[in-house]
Amino acid sequence: MMTQSFILEYWNDNDWLVGRLKGVPGVFSQGQTLAELEENIRDAYRLMATDAEPAPE
């Protein structure tokens, strides 16, 4: 299994941390803690990657 690494860019927006995966368009999320943001951004990436897979024929 090959592991891929990404850069998580994040900033404060009031009481939330908002982040995106640098270099991966459309993958954004938020969390109240860095750990929550990291978990949510992983989920957002998985959803994007699943949607990008071709449908079985």
PDB file of N, CA and C in Angstrom:
ATOM      1  N   MET A   1       0.841  -1.177   0.000  1.00  0.00           N
ATOM      2  CA  MET A   1       0.000   0.000   0.000  1.00  0.00           C
ATOM      3  C   MET A   1       0.886   1.239   0.000  1.00  0.00           C
ATOM      4  N   MET A   2       0.579   2.167  -0.893  1.00  0.00           N
ATOM      5  CA  MET A   2       1.368   3.396  -1.003  1.00  0.00           C
ATOM      6  C   MET A   2       0.708   4.511  -0.180  1.00  0.00           C
ATOM      7  N   THR A   3       1.492   5.194   0.618  1.00  0.00           N
ATOM      8  CA  THR A   3       0.985   6.300   1.423  1.00  0.00           C
ATOM      9  C   THR A   3       1.271   7.610   0.723  1.00  0.00           C
ATOM     10  N   GLN A   4       0.268   8.479   0.697  1.00  0.00           N
ATOM     11  CA  GLN A   4       0.420   9.777   0.066  1.00  0.00           C
ATOM     12  C   GLN A   4       0.404  10.851   1.148  1.00  0.00           C
ATOM     13  N   SER A   5       1.199  11.886   0.978  1.00  0.00           N
ATOM     14  CA  SER A   5       1.253  12.991   1.941  1.00  0.00           C
ATOM     15  C   SER A   5       0.728  14.265   1.305  1.00  0.00           C
ATOM     16  N   PHE A   6       0.046  15.064   2.123  1.00  0.00           N
ATOM     17  CA  PHE A   6      -0.482  16.343   1.681  1.00  0.00           C
ATOM     18  C   PHE A   6      -0.133  17.400   2.710  1.00  0.00           C
ATOM     19  N   ILE A   7      -0.200  18.650   2.306  1.00  0.00           N
ATOM     20  CA  ILE A   7       0.005  19.774   3.222  1.00  0.00           C
ATOM     21  C   ILE A   7      -1.361  20.321   3.597  1.00  0.00           C
ATOM     22  N   LEU A   8      -1.641  20.368   4.899  1.00  0.00           N
ATOM     23  CA  LEU A   8      -2.875  20.946   5.401  1.00  0.00           C
ATOM     24  C   LEU A   8      -2.610  22.405   5.733  1.00  0.00           C
ATOM     25  N   GLU A   9      -3.275  23.288   5.025  1.00  0.00           N
ATOM     26  CA  GLU A   9      -3.174  24.725   5.283  1.00  0.00           C
ATOM     27  C   GLU A   9      -4.433  25.107   6.062  1.00  0.00           C
ATOM     28  N   TYR A  10      -4.272  25.771   7.219  1.00  0.00           N
ATOM     29  CA  TYR A  10      -5.457  26.104   8.006  1.00  0.00           C
ATOM     30  C   TYR A  10      -5.317  27.470   8.653  1.00  0.00           C
ATOM     31  N   TRP A  11      -6.471  28.028   9.046  1.00  0.00           N
ATOM     32  CA  TRP A  11      -6.526  29.356   9.641  1.00  0.00           C
ATOM     33  C   TRP A  11      -7.692  29.417  10.620  1.00  0.00           C
ATOM     34  N   ASN A  12      -7.660  30.419  11.485  1.00  0.00           N
ATOM     35  CA  ASN A  12      -8.746  30.639  12.445  1.00  0.00           C
ATOM     36  C   ASN A  12      -9.850  31.447  11.786  1.00  0.00           C
ATOM     37  N   ASP A  13     -11.075  31.042  12.044  1.00  0.00           N
ATOM     38  CA  ASP A  13     -12.254  31.785  11.607  1.00  0.00           C
ATOM     39  C   ASP A  13     -13.210  31.810  12.790  1.00  0.00           C
ATOM     40  N   ASN A  14     -13.104  32.851  13.592  1.00  0.00           N
ATOM     41  CA  ASN A  14     -13.824  32.961  14.867  1.00  0.00           C
ATOM     42  C   ASN A  14     -13.425  31.795  15.767  1.00  0.00           C
ATOM     43  N   ASP A  15     -14.354  30.940  16.156  1.00  0.00           N
ATOM     44  CA  ASP A  15     -14.032  29.829  17.061  1.00  0.00           C
ATOM     45  C   ASP A  15     -13.683  28.534  16.329  1.00  0.00           C
ATOM     46  N   TRP A  16     -13.520  28.599  15.024  1.00  0.00           N
ATOM     47  CA  TRP A  16     -13.264  27.407  14.218  1.00  0.00           C
ATOM     48  C   TRP A  16     -11.886  27.459  13.575  1.00  0.00           C
ATOM     49  N   LEU A  17     -11.322  26.297  13.316  1.00  0.00           N
ATOM     50  CA  LEU A  17     -10.165  26.166  12.439  1.00  0.00           C
ATOM     51  C   LEU A  17     -10.717  25.697  11.099  1.00  0.00           C
ATOM     52  N   VAL A  18     -10.369  26.397  10.049  1.00  0.00           N
ATOM     53  CA  VAL A  18     -10.814  26.055   8.702  1.00  0.00           C
ATOM     54  C   VAL A  18      -9.571  25.666   7.918  1.00  0.00           C
ATOM     55  N   GLY A  19      -9.674  24.604   7.130  1.00  0.00           N
ATOM     56  CA  GLY A  19      -8.485  24.156   6.416  1.00  0.00           C
ATOM     57  C   GLY A  19      -8.789  23.611   5.040  1.00  0.00           C
ATOM     58  N   ARG A  20      -7.719  23.476   4.292  1.00  0.00           N
ATOM     59  CA  ARG A  20      -7.791  22.895   2.946  1.00  0.00           C
ATOM     60  C   ARG A  20      -6.531  22.095   2.698  1.00  0.00           C
ATOM     61  N   LEU A  21      -6.620  21.144   1.791  1.00  0.00           N
ATOM     62  CA  LEU A  21      -5.433  20.410   1.372  1.00  0.00           C
ATOM     63  C   LEU A  21      -4.800  21.189   0.233  1.00  0.00           C
ATOM     64  N   LYS A  22      -3.605  21.652   0.456  1.00  0.00           N
ATOM     65  CA  LYS A  22      -2.884  22.434  -0.555  1.00  0.00           C
ATOM     66  C   LYS A  22      -2.623  21.552  -1.774  1.00  0.00           C
ATOM     67  N   GLY A  23      -2.999  22.046  -2.928  1.00  0.00           N
ATOM     68  CA  GLY A  23      -2.770  21.302  -4.165  1.00  0.00           C
ATOM     69  C   GLY A  23      -3.878  20.326  -4.516  1.00  0.00           C
ATOM     70  N   VAL A  24      -4.921  20.255  -3.683  1.00  0.00           N
ATOM     71  CA  VAL A  24      -6.047  19.363  -3.969  1.00  0.00           C
ATOM     72  C   VAL A  24      -7.311  20.225  -4.014  1.00  0.00           C
ATOM     73  N   PRO A  25      -7.738  20.642  -5.189  1.00  0.00           N
ATOM     74  CA  PRO A  25      -8.891  21.540  -5.299  1.00  0.00           C
ATOM     75  C   PRO A  25     -10.160  20.934  -4.700  1.00  0.00           C
ATOM     76  N   GLY A  26     -10.904  21.755  -3.984  1.00  0.00           N
ATOM     77  CA  GLY A  26     -12.208  21.343  -3.486  1.00  0.00           C
ATOM     78  C   GLY A  26     -12.233  20.601  -2.174  1.00  0.00           C
ATOM     79  N   VAL A  27     -11.086  20.374  -1.539  1.00  0.00           N
ATOM     80  CA  VAL A  27     -11.071  19.651  -0.258  1.00  0.00           C
ATOM     81  C   VAL A  27     -10.860  20.672   0.865  1.00  0.00           C
ATOM     82  N   PHE A  28     -11.980  21.060   1.478  1.00  0.00           N
ATOM     83  CA  PHE A  28     -12.006  22.002   2.593  1.00  0.00           C
ATOM     84  C   PHE A  28     -12.771  21.365   3.734  1.00  0.00           C
ATOM     85  N   SER A  29     -12.485  21.779   4.962  1.00  0.00           N
ATOM     86  CA  SER A  29     -13.284  21.357   6.109  1.00  0.00           C
ATOM     87  C   SER A  29     -13.010  22.295   7.270  1.00  0.00           C
ATOM     88  N   GLN A  30     -13.609  21.975   8.420  1.00  0.00           N
ATOM     89  CA  GLN A  30     -13.415  22.788   9.613  1.00  0.00           C
ATOM     90  C   GLN A  30     -13.489  21.903  10.844  1.00  0.00           C
ATOM     91  N   GLY A  31     -13.032  22.441  11.963  1.00  0.00           N
ATOM     92  CA  GLY A  31     -13.105  21.748  13.241  1.00  0.00           C
ATOM     93  C   GLY A  31     -12.824  22.727  14.366  1.00  0.00           C
ATOM     94  N   GLN A  32     -13.239  22.349  15.561  1.00  0.00           N
ATOM     95  CA  GLN A  32     -12.988  23.226  16.706  1.00  0.00           C
ATOM     96  C   GLN A  32     -11.592  23.013  17.283  1.00  0.00           C
ATOM     97  N   THR A  33     -10.981  21.879  16.967  1.00  0.00           N
ATOM     98  CA  THR A  33      -9.599  21.600  17.369  1.00  0.00           C
ATOM     99  C   THR A  33      -8.825  21.153  16.134  1.00  0.00           C
ATOM    100  N   LEU A  34      -7.513  21.173  16.227  1.00  0.00           N
ATOM    101  CA  LEU A  34      -6.700  20.714  15.103  1.00  0.00           C
ATOM    102  C   LEU A  34      -6.953  19.232  14.825  1.00  0.00           C
ATOM    103  N   ALA A  35      -7.098  18.424  15.877  1.00  0.00           N
ATOM    104  CA  ALA A  35      -7.369  16.994  15.689  1.00  0.00           C
ATOM    105  C   ALA A  35      -8.693  16.784  14.956  1.00  0.00           C
ATOM    106  N   GLU A  36      -9.717  17.564  15.325  1.00  0.00           N
ATOM    107  CA  GLU A  36     -11.020  17.438  14.668  1.00  0.00           C
ATOM    108  C   GLU A  36     -10.923  17.886  13.213  1.00  0.00           C
ATOM    109  N   LEU A  37     -10.210  18.967  12.957  1.00  0.00           N
ATOM    110  CA  LEU A  37     -10.012  19.430  11.580  1.00  0.00           C
ATOM    111  C   LEU A  37      -9.301  18.364  10.759  1.00  0.00           C
ATOM    112  N   GLU A  38      -8.251  17.766  11.291  1.00  0.00           N
ATOM    113  CA  GLU A  38      -7.511  16.733  10.561  1.00  0.00           C
ATOM    114  C   GLU A  38      -8.415  15.545  10.226  1.00  0.00           C
ATOM    115  N   GLU A  39      -9.241  15.118  11.170  1.00  0.00           N
ATOM    116  CA  GLU A  39     -10.160  14.005  10.924  1.00  0.00           C
ATOM    117  C   GLU A  39     -11.181  14.388   9.843  1.00  0.00           C
ATOM    118  N   ASN A  40     -11.724  15.592   9.948  1.00  0.00           N
ATOM    119  CA  ASN A  40     -12.726  16.042   8.981  1.00  0.00           C
ATOM    120  C   ASN A  40     -12.139  16.221   7.587  1.00  0.00           C
ATOM    121  N   ILE A  41     -10.904  16.690   7.497  1.00  0.00           N
ATOM    122  CA  ILE A  41     -10.285  16.891   6.179  1.00  0.00           C
ATOM    123  C   ILE A  41      -9.977  15.536   5.542  1.00  0.00           C
ATOM    124  N   ARG A  42      -9.613  14.544   6.359  1.00  0.00           N
ATOM    125  CA  ARG A  42      -9.418  13.177   5.826  1.00  0.00           C
ATOM    126  C   ARG A  42     -10.725  12.646   5.256  1.00  0.00           C
ATOM    127  N   ASP A  43     -11.822  12.851   5.991  1.00  0.00           N
ATOM    128  CA  ASP A  43     -13.133  12.414   5.512  1.00  0.00           C
ATOM    129  C   ASP A  43     -13.498  13.116   4.208  1.00  0.00           C
ATOM    130  N   ALA A  44     -13.260  14.421   4.138  1.00  0.00           N
ATOM    131  CA  ALA A  44     -13.567  15.182   2.923  1.00  0.00           C
ATOM    132  C   ALA A  44     -12.743  14.664   1.743  1.00  0.00           C
ATOM    133  N   TYR A  45     -11.468  14.337   1.982  1.00  0.00           N
ATOM    134  CA  TYR A  45     -10.621  13.809   0.908  1.00  0.00           C
ATOM    135  C   TYR A  45     -11.128  12.444   0.446  1.00  0.00           C
ATOM    136  N   ARG A  46     -11.486  11.574   1.418  1.00  0.00           N
ATOM    137  CA  ARG A  46     -12.000  10.245   1.058  1.00  0.00           C
ATOM    138  C   ARG A  46     -13.264  10.357   0.208  1.00  0.00           C
ATOM    139  N   LEU A  47     -14.162  11.261   0.595  1.00  0.00           N
ATOM    140  CA  LEU A  47     -15.388  11.454  -0.185  1.00  0.00           C
ATOM    141  C   LEU A  47     -15.072  11.939  -1.592  1.00  0.00           C
ATOM    142  N   MET A  48     -14.144  12.876  -1.714  1.00  0.00           N
ATOM    143  CA  MET A  48     -13.764  13.391  -3.018  1.00  0.00           C
ATOM    144  C   MET A  48     -13.126  12.291  -3.860  1.00  0.00           C
ATOM    145  N   ALA A  49     -12.263  11.490  -3.247  1.00  0.00           N
ATOM    146  CA  ALA A  49     -11.568  10.428  -3.983  1.00  0.00           C
ATOM    147  C   ALA A  49     -12.560   9.342  -4.411  1.00  0.00           C
ATOM    148  N   THR A  50     -13.532   9.039  -3.568  1.00  0.00           N
ATOM    149  CA  THR A  50     -14.546   8.037  -3.906  1.00  0.00           C
ATOM    150  C   THR A  50     -15.422   8.523  -5.044  1.00  0.00           C
ATOM    151  N   ASP A  51     -15.803   9.796  -5.002  1.00  0.00           N
ATOM    152  CA  ASP A  51     -16.629  10.367  -6.080  1.00  0.00           C
ATOM    153  C   ASP A  51     -15.866  10.422  -7.403  1.00  0.00           C
ATOM    154  N   ALA A  52     -14.543  10.519  -7.345  1.00  0.00           N
ATOM    155  CA  ALA A  52     -13.735  10.639  -8.556  1.00  0.00           C
ATOM    156  C   ALA A  52     -13.488   9.286  -9.232  1.00  0.00           C
ATOM    157  N   GLU A  53     -13.732   8.190  -8.505  1.00  0.00           N
ATOM    158  CA  GLU A  53     -13.510   6.861  -9.077  1.00  0.00           C
ATOM    159  C   GLU A  53     -14.569   6.581 -10.147  1.00  0.00           C
ATOM    160  N   PRO A  54     -14.153   5.944 -11.239  1.00  0.00           N
ATOM    161  CA  PRO A  54     -15.137   5.614 -12.267  1.00  0.00           C
ATOM    162  C   PRO A  54     -16.144   4.587 -11.746  1.00  0.00           C
ATOM    163  N   ALA A  55     -17.368   4.703 -12.197  1.00  0.00           N
ATOM    164  CA  ALA A  55     -18.419   3.761 -11.803  1.00  0.00           C
ATOM    165  C   ALA A  55     -18.139   2.403 -12.439  1.00  0.00           C
ATOM    166  N   PRO A  56     -18.422   1.327 -11.698  1.00  0.00           N
ATOM    167  CA  PRO A  56     -18.209  -0.016 -12.261  1.00  0.00           C
ATOM    168  C   PRO A  56     -19.150  -0.240 -13.448  1.00  0.00           C
ATOM    169  N   GLU A  57     -18.655  -0.972 -14.420  1.00  0.00           N
ATOM    170  CA  GLU A  57     -19.470  -1.229 -15.627  1.00  0.00           C
ATOM    171  C   GLU A  57     -20.251  -2.496 -15.500  1.00  0.00           C
TER     172      GLU A  57
END
